[in-house]
N, C-alpha and C. Protein backbone atom coordinates (compact mmCIF):
# COMPACT_ATOMS: atom_id res chain seq x y z
N MET A 1 -3.41 -41.64 -23.63
CA MET A 1 -2.38 -40.96 -22.88
C MET A 1 -2.89 -40.77 -21.44
N PRO A 2 -2.11 -41.19 -20.46
CA PRO A 2 -2.56 -41.03 -19.07
C PRO A 2 -2.55 -39.57 -18.64
N LYS A 3 -3.49 -39.24 -17.77
CA LYS A 3 -3.55 -37.87 -17.26
C LYS A 3 -2.43 -37.64 -16.26
N ARG A 4 -1.89 -36.42 -16.29
CA ARG A 4 -0.86 -36.07 -15.31
C ARG A 4 -1.52 -35.58 -14.04
N LEU A 5 -1.01 -36.00 -12.94
CA LEU A 5 -1.50 -35.50 -11.66
C LEU A 5 -0.84 -34.15 -11.39
N PRO A 6 -1.58 -33.24 -10.76
CA PRO A 6 -0.98 -31.94 -10.46
C PRO A 6 0.17 -32.09 -9.46
N THR A 7 1.20 -31.31 -9.69
CA THR A 7 2.34 -31.32 -8.77
C THR A 7 1.98 -30.53 -7.52
N PRO A 8 2.68 -30.76 -6.42
CA PRO A 8 2.40 -29.97 -5.21
C PRO A 8 2.50 -28.47 -5.46
N ARG A 9 3.43 -28.03 -6.30
CA ARG A 9 3.57 -26.60 -6.58
C ARG A 9 2.33 -26.07 -7.30
N ARG A 10 1.83 -26.84 -8.25
CA ARG A 10 0.62 -26.41 -8.97
C ARG A 10 -0.57 -26.31 -8.03
N LEU A 11 -0.67 -27.24 -7.10
CA LEU A 11 -1.75 -27.18 -6.12
C LEU A 11 -1.62 -25.96 -5.23
N LEU A 12 -0.40 -25.63 -4.82
CA LEU A 12 -0.19 -24.43 -4.01
C LEU A 12 -0.54 -23.17 -4.80
N ASP A 13 -0.18 -23.15 -6.08
CA ASP A 13 -0.53 -22.02 -6.94
C ASP A 13 -2.04 -21.87 -7.04
N LEU A 14 -2.73 -22.98 -7.21
CA LEU A 14 -4.19 -22.95 -7.31
C LEU A 14 -4.82 -22.42 -6.03
N VAL A 15 -4.34 -22.89 -4.90
CA VAL A 15 -4.86 -22.40 -3.61
C VAL A 15 -4.62 -20.91 -3.47
N GLU A 16 -3.45 -20.43 -3.89
CA GLU A 16 -3.14 -19.01 -3.82
C GLU A 16 -4.05 -18.19 -4.72
N VAL A 17 -4.27 -18.65 -5.93
CA VAL A 17 -5.13 -17.92 -6.87
C VAL A 17 -6.57 -17.88 -6.36
N LEU A 18 -7.05 -18.99 -5.85
CA LEU A 18 -8.41 -19.01 -5.31
C LEU A 18 -8.55 -18.09 -4.10
N SER A 19 -7.52 -18.00 -3.27
CA SER A 19 -7.55 -17.08 -2.13
C SER A 19 -7.58 -15.63 -2.61
N LEU A 20 -6.80 -15.31 -3.61
CA LEU A 20 -6.79 -13.95 -4.16
C LEU A 20 -8.16 -13.61 -4.76
N ALA A 21 -8.75 -14.56 -5.47
CA ALA A 21 -10.06 -14.33 -6.07
C ALA A 21 -11.12 -14.12 -4.99
N GLU A 22 -11.07 -14.94 -3.96
CA GLU A 22 -12.04 -14.81 -2.87
C GLU A 22 -11.92 -13.45 -2.17
N ALA A 23 -10.71 -12.92 -2.10
CA ALA A 23 -10.48 -11.62 -1.47
C ALA A 23 -10.81 -10.47 -2.41
N GLY A 24 -11.18 -10.77 -3.66
CA GLY A 24 -11.51 -9.72 -4.62
C GLY A 24 -10.31 -9.02 -5.21
N LEU A 25 -9.16 -9.66 -5.16
CA LEU A 25 -7.92 -9.03 -5.63
C LEU A 25 -7.57 -9.38 -7.07
N ILE A 26 -8.37 -10.20 -7.70
CA ILE A 26 -8.14 -10.53 -9.11
C ILE A 26 -9.21 -9.81 -9.92
N LYS A 27 -8.78 -8.99 -10.82
CA LYS A 27 -9.69 -8.23 -11.69
C LYS A 27 -9.74 -8.89 -13.05
N HIS A 28 -10.90 -8.89 -13.65
CA HIS A 28 -11.03 -9.47 -14.98
C HIS A 28 -11.66 -8.44 -15.91
N ASN A 29 -11.41 -8.64 -17.17
CA ASN A 29 -11.93 -7.73 -18.18
C ASN A 29 -12.55 -8.58 -19.29
N VAL A 30 -13.87 -8.63 -19.32
CA VAL A 30 -14.59 -9.40 -20.33
C VAL A 30 -15.44 -8.43 -21.14
N THR A 31 -15.27 -8.46 -22.44
CA THR A 31 -16.01 -7.59 -23.34
C THR A 31 -16.89 -8.43 -24.25
N LYS A 32 -18.15 -8.02 -24.39
CA LYS A 32 -19.06 -8.70 -25.31
C LYS A 32 -18.85 -8.14 -26.71
N VAL A 33 -18.80 -9.03 -27.70
CA VAL A 33 -18.60 -8.65 -29.08
C VAL A 33 -19.78 -9.19 -29.89
N GLU A 34 -20.41 -8.32 -30.65
CA GLU A 34 -21.50 -8.74 -31.54
C GLU A 34 -20.90 -9.56 -32.70
N LEU A 35 -21.66 -10.52 -33.17
CA LEU A 35 -21.18 -11.39 -34.24
C LEU A 35 -20.78 -10.60 -35.48
N GLU A 36 -21.53 -9.55 -35.81
CA GLU A 36 -21.20 -8.78 -37.01
C GLU A 36 -19.89 -7.98 -36.87
N ASP A 37 -19.37 -7.85 -35.66
CA ASP A 37 -18.12 -7.13 -35.43
C ASP A 37 -16.92 -8.06 -35.26
N ILE A 38 -17.12 -9.34 -35.52
CA ILE A 38 -16.08 -10.32 -35.21
C ILE A 38 -14.80 -10.10 -36.02
N ASN A 39 -14.91 -9.77 -37.31
CA ASN A 39 -13.70 -9.59 -38.12
C ASN A 39 -12.84 -8.45 -37.60
N GLU A 40 -13.45 -7.34 -37.27
CA GLU A 40 -12.71 -6.20 -36.71
C GLU A 40 -12.01 -6.59 -35.40
N ASN A 41 -12.71 -7.36 -34.56
CA ASN A 41 -12.13 -7.75 -33.29
C ASN A 41 -11.04 -8.80 -33.44
N LEU A 42 -11.15 -9.66 -34.44
CA LEU A 42 -10.08 -10.61 -34.70
C LEU A 42 -8.81 -9.90 -35.18
N GLN A 43 -8.99 -8.84 -35.97
CA GLN A 43 -7.83 -8.04 -36.39
C GLN A 43 -7.18 -7.36 -35.18
N ALA A 44 -8.00 -6.84 -34.28
CA ALA A 44 -7.48 -6.20 -33.06
C ALA A 44 -6.72 -7.22 -32.22
N LEU A 45 -7.24 -8.44 -32.16
CA LEU A 45 -6.56 -9.51 -31.43
C LEU A 45 -5.20 -9.80 -32.04
N GLY A 46 -5.16 -9.87 -33.36
CA GLY A 46 -3.91 -10.11 -34.06
C GLY A 46 -2.88 -9.02 -33.85
N ARG A 47 -3.34 -7.77 -33.67
CA ARG A 47 -2.43 -6.65 -33.40
C ARG A 47 -2.01 -6.60 -31.94
N GLY A 48 -2.65 -7.38 -31.08
CA GLY A 48 -2.33 -7.34 -29.66
C GLY A 48 -3.06 -6.24 -28.92
N ASP A 49 -4.16 -5.74 -29.50
CA ASP A 49 -4.90 -4.64 -28.90
C ASP A 49 -5.92 -5.09 -27.85
N ILE A 50 -6.15 -6.38 -27.73
CA ILE A 50 -7.18 -6.90 -26.84
C ILE A 50 -6.59 -7.14 -25.46
N VAL A 51 -7.24 -6.58 -24.45
CA VAL A 51 -6.86 -6.82 -23.06
C VAL A 51 -8.00 -7.60 -22.42
N GLY A 52 -7.69 -8.74 -21.86
CA GLY A 52 -8.73 -9.56 -21.24
C GLY A 52 -9.32 -10.53 -22.25
N ARG A 53 -10.60 -10.78 -22.08
CA ARG A 53 -11.29 -11.75 -22.94
C ARG A 53 -12.43 -11.08 -23.67
N GLN A 54 -12.74 -11.63 -24.82
CA GLN A 54 -13.90 -11.17 -25.56
C GLN A 54 -14.81 -12.37 -25.79
N VAL A 55 -16.09 -12.14 -25.63
CA VAL A 55 -17.09 -13.18 -25.78
C VAL A 55 -18.04 -12.78 -26.90
N ILE A 56 -18.24 -13.69 -27.85
CA ILE A 56 -19.15 -13.41 -28.96
C ILE A 56 -20.57 -13.63 -28.47
N VAL A 57 -21.42 -12.64 -28.71
CA VAL A 57 -22.83 -12.77 -28.35
C VAL A 57 -23.64 -12.90 -29.63
N PHE A 58 -24.61 -13.77 -29.62
CA PHE A 58 -25.45 -14.06 -30.77
C PHE A 58 -26.84 -13.51 -30.47
N GLU A 59 -27.01 -12.23 -30.65
CA GLU A 59 -28.32 -11.60 -30.38
C GLU A 59 -28.83 -10.91 -31.61
C-alpha cells in the first residue's frame, strides 16, 4: 500500500502544534505504572478514569 503524503492542512496543523509546544503551551500528563499494578490501571482505563498517558515501568 503506498504511503499517503500529508495534506497542506495537516502540515499547517503540525507547524501550529510544534509552535505551541515550543512556547510551552502544551501540557502533558504522564504517569508511571508499576508492572504489578497493571490490572488495576487497565480497569481504570476501561472506566475512562485515565487522563493523559501511563507508562509501564519494569523495576
